[in-house]
C-alpha atoms as a PDB file:
ATOM      1  CA  MET A   1     105.369  88.967  86.977  1.00  0.00           C
ATOM      2  CA  LYS A   2     106.827  86.707  89.767  1.00  0.00           C
ATOM      3  CA  ALA A   3     107.443  83.760  87.451  1.00  0.00           C
ATOM      4  CA  ASP A   4     109.744  86.045  85.250  1.00  0.00           C
ATOM      5  CA  SER A   5     111.787  86.890  88.049  1.00  0.00           C
ATOM      6  CA  TYR A   6     112.373  83.401  89.031  1.00  0.00           C
ATOM      7  CA  GLY A   7     112.966  82.214  85.533  1.00  0.00           C
ATOM      8  CA  GLU A   8     115.599  84.829  85.146  1.00  0.00           C
ATOM      9  CA  LEU A   9     117.414  83.613  88.403  1.00  0.00           C
ATOM     10  CA  TYR A  10     117.180  80.069  87.303  1.00  0.00           C
ATOM     11  CA  LEU A  11     118.918  81.173  83.932  1.00  0.00           C
ATOM     12  CA  TRP A  12     121.496  83.105  85.811  1.00  0.00           C
ATOM     13  CA  ASN A  13     122.473  80.277  88.063  1.00  0.00           C
ATOM     14  CA  ARG A  14     122.371  77.847  84.935  1.00  0.00           C
ATOM     15  CA  GLY A  15     124.855  80.111  83.286  1.00  0.00           C
ATOM     16  CA  ILE A  16     127.253  80.311  86.325  1.00  0.00           C
ATOM     17  CA  ASP A  17     127.156  76.294  86.180  1.00  0.00           C
ATOM     18  CA  ARG A  18     127.922  76.314  82.694  1.00  0.00           C
ATOM     19  CA  LEU A  19     130.825  78.874  83.259  1.00  0.00           C
ATOM     20  CA  VAL A  20     132.333  76.619  86.168  1.00  0.00           C
ATOM     21  CA  ARG A  21     132.180  73.601  83.824  1.00  0.00           C
ATOM     22  CA  VAL A  22     134.019  75.479  81.014  1.00  0.00           C
ATOM     23  CA  LEU A  23     136.617  76.330  83.713  1.00  0.00           C
ATOM     24  CA  GLN A  24     136.802  72.720  84.955  1.00  0.00           C
ATOM     25  CA  ARG A  25     137.377  71.535  81.308  1.00  0.00           C
ATOM     26  CA  THR A  26     140.213  74.274  80.761  1.00  0.00           C
ATOM     27  CA  GLU A  27     142.357  72.077  83.216  1.00  0.00           C
ATOM     28  CA  ALA A  28     142.722  69.322  80.550  1.00  0.00           C
ATOM     29  CA  HIS A  29     143.988  71.873  78.132  1.00  0.00           C
ATOM     30  CA  SER A  30     146.550  73.605  80.664  1.00  0.00           C
ATOM     31  CA  LEU A  31     145.171  77.098  79.792  1.00  0.00           C
ATOM     32  CA  PHE A  32     146.187  78.304  83.294  1.00  0.00           C
ATOM     33  CA  GLY A  33     147.102  76.486  86.506  1.00  0.00           C
ATOM     34  CA  LYS A  34     144.735  74.669  88.927  1.00  0.00           C
ATOM     35  CA  GLU A  35     144.996  77.427  91.510  1.00  0.00           C
ATOM     36  CA  LYS A  36     144.100  80.246  89.116  1.00  0.00           C
ATOM     37  CA  ARG A  37     141.174  78.074  87.705  1.00  0.00           C
ATOM     38  CA  LYS A  38     139.824  77.606  91.333  1.00  0.00           C
ATOM     39  CA  ALA A  39     140.406  81.162  92.042  1.00  0.00           C
ATOM     40  CA  TYR A  40     138.236  82.093  89.197  1.00  0.00           C
ATOM     41  CA  GLU A  41     135.565  79.211  90.050  1.00  0.00           C
ATOM     42  CA  THR A  42     135.342  80.619  93.508  1.00  0.00           C
ATOM     43  CA  ARG A  43     134.851  84.345  92.254  1.00  0.00           C
ATOM     44  CA  LEU A  44     132.052  83.037  90.251  1.00  0.00           C
ATOM     45  CA  GLU A  45     130.284  81.227  93.049  1.00  0.00           C
ATOM     46  CA  GLU A  46     130.767  84.162  95.410  1.00  0.00           C
ATOM     47  CA  ILE A  47     129.253  86.507  92.873  1.00  0.00           C
ATOM     48  CA  ARG A  48     126.312  83.842  92.447  1.00  0.00           C
ATOM     49  CA  ALA A  49     125.830  83.552  96.251  1.00  0.00           C
ATOM     50  CA  GLY A  50     125.730  87.434  96.429  1.00  0.00           C
ATOM     51  CA  LEU A  51     123.175  87.797  93.833  1.00  0.00           C
ATOM     52  CA  ASN A  52     120.975  84.915  95.063  1.00  0.00           C
ATOM     53  CA  ALA A  53     121.023  86.431  98.513  1.00  0.00           C
ATOM     54  CA  ASP A  54     120.072  89.823  97.261  1.00  0.00           C
ATOM     55  CA  PHE A  55     117.478  88.327  95.270  1.00  0.00           C
ATOM     56  CA  ALA A  56     115.966  86.231  98.043  1.00  0.00           C
ATOM     57  CA  GLU A  57     115.952  89.253 100.390  1.00  0.00           C
ATOM     58  CA  ALA A  58     114.090  91.395  97.850  1.00  0.00           C
ATOM     59  CA  LYS A  59     111.525  88.818  96.987  1.00  0.00           C
ATOM     60  CA  ALA A  60     111.030  88.091 100.791  1.00  0.00           C
ATOM     61  CA  THR A  61     110.161  91.836 101.279  1.00  0.00           C
ATOM     62  CA  GLU A  62     107.807  91.929  98.200  1.00  0.00           C
ATOM     63  CA  GLU A  63     106.011  88.817  99.501  1.00  0.00           C
ATOM     64  CA  ARG A  64     105.703  90.132 103.020  1.00  0.00           C
ATOM     65  CA  ASN A  65     104.197  93.325 101.446  1.00  0.00           C
ATOM     66  CA  ASP A  66     101.969  91.304  99.340  1.00  0.00           C
ATOM     67  CA  GLU A  67     100.782  89.071 102.314  1.00  0.00           C
ATOM     68  CA  THR A  68      99.963  92.379 104.252  1.00  0.00           C
ATOM     69  CA  ARG A  69      98.054  93.886 101.407  1.00  0.00           C
ATOM     70  CA  LEU A  70      96.213  90.667 100.454  1.00  0.00           C
ATOM     71  CA  ARG A  71      95.267  90.147 104.283  1.00  0.00           C
ATOM     72  CA  MET A  72      93.778  93.712 104.632  1.00  0.00           C
ATOM     73  CA  GLN A  73      91.730  93.216 101.417  1.00  0.00           C
ATOM     74  CA  HIS A  74      90.595  89.829 102.614  1.00  0.00           C
ATOM     75  CA  THR A  75      89.688  91.237 106.029  1.00  0.00           C
ATOM     76  CA  ALA A  76      87.861  94.109 104.245  1.00  0.00           C
ATOM     77  CA  TRP A  77      85.963  91.707 102.163  1.00  0.00           C
ATOM     78  CA  GLU A  78      85.085  89.552 105.049  1.00  0.00           C
ATOM     79  CA  ALA A  79      83.572  92.469 106.962  1.00  0.00           C
ATOM     80  CA  ARG A  80      81.730  93.601 104.137  1.00  0.00           C
ATOM     81  CA  ASN A  81      80.304  90.410 103.557  1.00  0.00           C
ATOM     82  CA  LEU A  82      79.427  89.968 107.376  1.00  0.00           C
ATOM     83  CA  ASN A  83      77.658  93.323 107.262  1.00  0.00           C
ATOM     84  CA  ASN A  84      75.637  92.462 104.192  1.00  0.00           C
ATOM     85  CA  GLN A  85      74.579  89.317 105.520  1.00  0.00           C
ATOM     86  CA  GLN A  86      73.506  91.054 108.959  1.00  0.00           C
ATOM     87  CA  ASN A  87      71.625  93.701 106.909  1.00  0.00           C
ATOM     88  CA  LYS A  88      69.782  91.098 105.064  1.00  0.00           C
ATOM     89  CA  ARG A  89      68.843  89.109 108.267  1.00  0.00           C
ATOM     90  CA  SER A  90      67.655  92.431 109.799  1.00  0.00           C
ATOM     91  CA  GLN A  91      65.434  93.267 106.841  1.00  0.00           C
ATOM     92  CA  SER A  92      63.853  89.829 106.880  1.00  0.00           C
END
């Protein structure tokens, strides 16, 4: 389902947000220097951006494929419906 994919992406992004906040809180405890913390934070954001971009690209392709398939179904339905109406009129 589409909603499941988007839900998982939301959870992924929320998880990254939480990790970034954990890193930011480590500064108060001096676990590692500000530069190293910022490097970790930047790497997390880079990974997030890459996954989000890949997800968006894949979803865009899926949506275009769905749009084409559904348009063809709709066009076929309209043609059948029009033919049925014309046949009914000619029989009357």
